[in-house]
Amino acid sequence: MATHVLWQADVADFNAWHAVFKEDRFNRKAVGIKALHVWSDPDKENHAVVLFEVLDLEKARAFFDSEELAMHMERDGVAHIQVKLLTPAY
């Protein structure tokens, strides 16, 4: 059964961030990460929230914890990142 990741962060410009996010789908797909939903926070203009489905938890952790991703996010004005892993309740 898939695990889900709830990711949220402040972004410098939501529309610019979202455009880059959509272009990066191939890198996420390569490690088994699929974006299910992307939201903007109506109370906080440049706050992004994404729900991902992940097939391989270790690959997903490595992807989200990678120095390369951190450098891209810093360059693109992404800050205050929160990543929450969610597993199904049985």
N, C-alpha and C. Protein backbone atom coordinates (compact mmCIF):
# COMPACT_ATOMS: atom_id res chain seq x y z
N MET A 1 0.84 -1.18 0.00
CA MET A 1 0.00 0.00 0.00
C MET A 1 0.89 1.25 0.00
N ALA A 2 0.48 2.25 -0.70
CA ALA A 2 1.27 3.48 -0.86
C ALA A 2 1.28 4.30 0.43
N THR A 3 2.36 5.01 0.59
CA THR A 3 2.49 5.99 1.65
C THR A 3 2.24 7.35 1.03
N HIS A 4 1.79 8.29 1.81
CA HIS A 4 1.57 9.64 1.31
C HIS A 4 2.46 10.62 2.06
N VAL A 5 2.77 11.70 1.40
CA VAL A 5 3.58 12.76 1.97
C VAL A 5 2.81 14.06 1.84
N LEU A 6 2.66 14.75 2.95
CA LEU A 6 2.07 16.09 2.93
C LEU A 6 3.22 17.07 3.04
N TRP A 7 3.41 17.86 2.00
CA TRP A 7 4.53 18.81 1.91
C TRP A 7 3.95 20.21 1.88
N GLN A 8 4.53 21.10 2.66
CA GLN A 8 4.09 22.49 2.58
C GLN A 8 5.27 23.42 2.83
N ALA A 9 5.17 24.61 2.23
CA ALA A 9 6.25 25.58 2.35
C ALA A 9 5.77 26.95 1.92
N ASP A 10 6.50 27.95 2.37
CA ASP A 10 6.31 29.30 1.87
C ASP A 10 7.14 29.44 0.61
N VAL A 11 6.57 30.06 -0.40
CA VAL A 11 7.28 30.25 -1.67
C VAL A 11 7.30 31.74 -2.00
N ALA A 12 8.31 32.16 -2.73
CA ALA A 12 8.44 33.58 -3.06
C ALA A 12 7.29 34.05 -3.94
N ASP A 13 6.89 33.23 -4.89
CA ASP A 13 5.81 33.55 -5.82
C ASP A 13 5.13 32.24 -6.19
N PHE A 14 3.88 32.07 -5.78
CA PHE A 14 3.21 30.78 -5.98
C PHE A 14 3.16 30.37 -7.44
N ASN A 15 2.79 31.27 -8.33
CA ASN A 15 2.66 30.92 -9.75
C ASN A 15 4.00 30.51 -10.35
N ALA A 16 5.07 31.22 -10.02
CA ALA A 16 6.39 30.86 -10.52
C ALA A 16 6.82 29.50 -9.96
N TRP A 17 6.59 29.30 -8.66
CA TRP A 17 6.93 28.02 -8.03
C TRP A 17 6.15 26.88 -8.70
N HIS A 18 4.85 27.10 -8.92
CA HIS A 18 4.01 26.04 -9.49
C HIS A 18 4.47 25.65 -10.90
N ALA A 19 4.89 26.61 -11.67
CA ALA A 19 5.39 26.31 -13.02
C ALA A 19 6.62 25.41 -12.96
N VAL A 20 7.55 25.73 -12.07
CA VAL A 20 8.76 24.90 -11.91
C VAL A 20 8.38 23.53 -11.35
N PHE A 21 7.47 23.51 -10.40
CA PHE A 21 7.01 22.26 -9.80
C PHE A 21 6.46 21.31 -10.86
N LYS A 22 5.64 21.83 -11.77
CA LYS A 22 5.06 21.00 -12.82
C LYS A 22 6.14 20.45 -13.75
N GLU A 23 7.15 21.24 -14.04
CA GLU A 23 8.24 20.79 -14.92
C GLU A 23 9.07 19.69 -14.26
N ASP A 24 9.09 19.63 -12.94
CA ASP A 24 9.91 18.67 -12.21
C ASP A 24 9.24 17.31 -12.04
N ARG A 25 8.06 17.11 -12.61
CA ARG A 25 7.33 15.87 -12.40
C ARG A 25 8.09 14.63 -12.86
N PHE A 26 8.93 14.76 -13.87
CA PHE A 26 9.68 13.61 -14.38
C PHE A 26 10.71 13.13 -13.37
N ASN A 27 11.35 14.07 -12.66
CA ASN A 27 12.31 13.69 -11.62
C ASN A 27 11.60 12.98 -10.47
N ARG A 28 10.42 13.47 -10.09
CA ARG A 28 9.67 12.81 -9.03
C ARG A 28 9.21 11.42 -9.48
N LYS A 29 8.72 11.34 -10.69
CA LYS A 29 8.23 10.05 -11.21
C LYS A 29 9.35 9.00 -11.23
N ALA A 30 10.56 9.43 -11.52
CA ALA A 30 11.70 8.51 -11.60
C ALA A 30 11.97 7.81 -10.27
N VAL A 31 11.58 8.44 -9.16
CA VAL A 31 11.79 7.82 -7.85
C VAL A 31 10.47 7.37 -7.21
N GLY A 32 9.41 7.29 -8.01
CA GLY A 32 8.14 6.76 -7.53
C GLY A 32 7.30 7.72 -6.72
N ILE A 33 7.43 9.02 -7.00
CA ILE A 33 6.65 10.03 -6.29
C ILE A 33 5.66 10.65 -7.26
N LYS A 34 4.39 10.65 -6.89
CA LYS A 34 3.34 11.21 -7.74
C LYS A 34 2.60 12.30 -6.96
N ALA A 35 2.50 13.48 -7.55
CA ALA A 35 1.74 14.56 -6.93
C ALA A 35 0.25 14.30 -7.16
N LEU A 36 -0.51 14.19 -6.09
CA LEU A 36 -1.94 13.95 -6.20
C LEU A 36 -2.74 15.24 -6.20
N HIS A 37 -2.35 16.17 -5.34
CA HIS A 37 -3.06 17.45 -5.22
C HIS A 37 -2.06 18.55 -4.91
N VAL A 38 -2.30 19.72 -5.46
CA VAL A 38 -1.52 20.91 -5.17
C VAL A 38 -2.50 22.00 -4.79
N TRP A 39 -2.24 22.64 -3.65
CA TRP A 39 -3.13 23.70 -3.19
C TRP A 39 -2.33 24.96 -2.88
N SER A 40 -3.00 26.08 -2.97
CA SER A 40 -2.47 27.32 -2.41
C SER A 40 -3.34 27.64 -1.20
N ASP A 41 -2.75 28.30 -0.23
CA ASP A 41 -3.46 28.62 1.01
C ASP A 41 -4.18 29.96 0.82
N PRO A 42 -5.51 30.00 0.90
CA PRO A 42 -6.23 31.26 0.68
C PRO A 42 -5.95 32.31 1.75
N ASP A 43 -5.43 31.89 2.90
CA ASP A 43 -5.13 32.84 3.98
C ASP A 43 -3.68 33.29 3.98
N LYS A 44 -2.87 32.68 3.14
CA LYS A 44 -1.44 32.99 3.10
C LYS A 44 -1.01 32.89 1.63
N GLU A 45 -0.99 34.00 0.95
CA GLU A 45 -0.89 34.07 -0.51
C GLU A 45 0.17 33.16 -1.13
N ASN A 46 1.35 33.13 -0.61
CA ASN A 46 2.44 32.36 -1.22
C ASN A 46 2.83 31.16 -0.37
N HIS A 47 1.82 30.40 0.02
CA HIS A 47 2.04 29.17 0.78
C HIS A 47 1.52 28.01 -0.06
N ALA A 48 2.39 27.04 -0.34
CA ALA A 48 2.03 25.89 -1.18
C ALA A 48 1.88 24.65 -0.32
N VAL A 49 0.90 23.82 -0.67
CA VAL A 49 0.67 22.55 0.01
C VAL A 49 0.49 21.49 -1.08
N VAL A 50 1.20 20.36 -0.92
CA VAL A 50 1.12 19.29 -1.92
C VAL A 50 0.94 17.96 -1.21
N LEU A 51 0.06 17.13 -1.74
CA LEU A 51 -0.09 15.76 -1.27
C LEU A 51 0.51 14.85 -2.34
N PHE A 52 1.51 14.08 -1.92
CA PHE A 52 2.18 13.13 -2.82
C PHE A 52 1.82 11.70 -2.43
N GLU A 53 1.83 10.83 -3.42
CA GLU A 53 1.76 9.39 -3.19
C GLU A 53 3.16 8.86 -3.48
N VAL A 54 3.69 8.03 -2.60
CA VAL A 54 5.02 7.47 -2.81
C VAL A 54 4.94 5.95 -2.77
N LEU A 55 5.65 5.33 -3.69
CA LEU A 55 5.65 3.87 -3.77
C LEU A 55 6.79 3.27 -2.98
N ASP A 56 7.90 4.00 -2.87
CA ASP A 56 9.07 3.52 -2.15
C ASP A 56 9.47 4.59 -1.14
N LEU A 57 9.20 4.33 0.11
CA LEU A 57 9.41 5.31 1.17
C LEU A 57 10.88 5.74 1.28
N GLU A 58 11.80 4.80 1.15
CA GLU A 58 13.22 5.15 1.27
C GLU A 58 13.68 6.04 0.12
N LYS A 59 13.23 5.75 -1.09
CA LYS A 59 13.58 6.61 -2.23
C LYS A 59 12.97 7.99 -2.06
N ALA A 60 11.75 8.04 -1.56
CA ALA A 60 11.09 9.34 -1.34
C ALA A 60 11.84 10.15 -0.29
N ARG A 61 12.22 9.51 0.80
CA ARG A 61 12.99 10.21 1.85
C ARG A 61 14.30 10.75 1.28
N ALA A 62 14.98 9.92 0.50
CA ALA A 62 16.24 10.35 -0.11
C ALA A 62 16.02 11.55 -1.03
N PHE A 63 14.93 11.52 -1.79
CA PHE A 63 14.62 12.62 -2.70
C PHE A 63 14.34 13.90 -1.92
N PHE A 64 13.45 13.83 -0.93
CA PHE A 64 13.08 15.03 -0.18
C PHE A 64 14.24 15.55 0.68
N ASP A 65 15.16 14.67 1.08
CA ASP A 65 16.29 15.07 1.91
C ASP A 65 17.55 15.41 1.11
N SER A 66 17.47 15.33 -0.22
CA SER A 66 18.66 15.51 -1.04
C SER A 66 19.17 16.96 -1.01
N GLU A 67 20.47 17.06 -1.04
CA GLU A 67 21.11 18.38 -1.08
C GLU A 67 20.76 19.11 -2.37
N GLU A 68 20.66 18.38 -3.46
CA GLU A 68 20.31 18.99 -4.75
C GLU A 68 18.94 19.65 -4.69
N LEU A 69 17.95 18.95 -4.11
CA LEU A 69 16.62 19.53 -3.99
C LEU A 69 16.64 20.75 -3.07
N ALA A 70 17.39 20.65 -1.98
CA ALA A 70 17.50 21.79 -1.05
C ALA A 70 18.09 23.01 -1.73
N MET A 71 19.10 22.81 -2.56
CA MET A 71 19.72 23.93 -3.29
C MET A 71 18.73 24.55 -4.26
N HIS A 72 17.96 23.72 -4.97
CA HIS A 72 16.96 24.24 -5.91
C HIS A 72 15.89 25.04 -5.17
N MET A 73 15.45 24.52 -4.04
CA MET A 73 14.40 25.22 -3.30
C MET A 73 14.90 26.54 -2.74
N GLU A 74 16.12 26.55 -2.25
CA GLU A 74 16.67 27.80 -1.72
C GLU A 74 16.79 28.83 -2.84
N ARG A 75 17.27 28.40 -3.99
CA ARG A 75 17.41 29.29 -5.14
C ARG A 75 16.06 29.83 -5.61
N ASP A 76 15.03 29.00 -5.51
CA ASP A 76 13.70 29.37 -5.99
C ASP A 76 12.85 30.06 -4.93
N GLY A 77 13.44 30.38 -3.78
CA GLY A 77 12.72 31.13 -2.75
C GLY A 77 11.74 30.31 -1.94
N VAL A 78 12.02 29.02 -1.78
CA VAL A 78 11.16 28.14 -0.98
C VAL A 78 11.72 28.09 0.43
N ALA A 79 10.88 28.36 1.43
CA ALA A 79 11.34 28.40 2.82
C ALA A 79 10.31 27.78 3.75
N HIS A 80 10.73 27.52 4.96
CA HIS A 80 9.86 26.97 6.01
C HIS A 80 9.17 25.68 5.53
N ILE A 81 9.96 24.78 5.01
CA ILE A 81 9.44 23.53 4.45
C ILE A 81 9.07 22.57 5.58
N GLN A 82 7.89 21.97 5.43
CA GLN A 82 7.44 20.92 6.35
C GLN A 82 7.06 19.70 5.53
N VAL A 83 7.60 18.56 5.92
CA VAL A 83 7.30 17.31 5.23
C VAL A 83 6.76 16.33 6.28
N LYS A 84 5.58 15.81 6.02
CA LYS A 84 4.93 14.88 6.95
C LYS A 84 4.63 13.59 6.20
N LEU A 85 5.19 12.47 6.68
CA LEU A 85 4.90 11.17 6.09
C LEU A 85 3.62 10.63 6.71
N LEU A 86 2.75 10.09 5.87
CA LEU A 86 1.46 9.56 6.30
C LEU A 86 1.32 8.13 5.82
N THR A 87 1.06 7.21 6.73
CA THR A 87 0.84 5.82 6.36
C THR A 87 -0.62 5.46 6.68
N PRO A 88 -1.17 4.50 5.95
CA PRO A 88 -2.56 4.12 6.16
C PRO A 88 -2.78 3.52 7.55
N ALA A 89 -3.89 3.83 8.14
CA ALA A 89 -4.29 3.21 9.40
C ALA A 89 -5.02 1.93 9.08
N TYR A 90 -4.71 0.90 9.78
CA TYR A 90 -5.33 -0.41 9.52
C TYR A 90 -6.35 -0.73 10.58
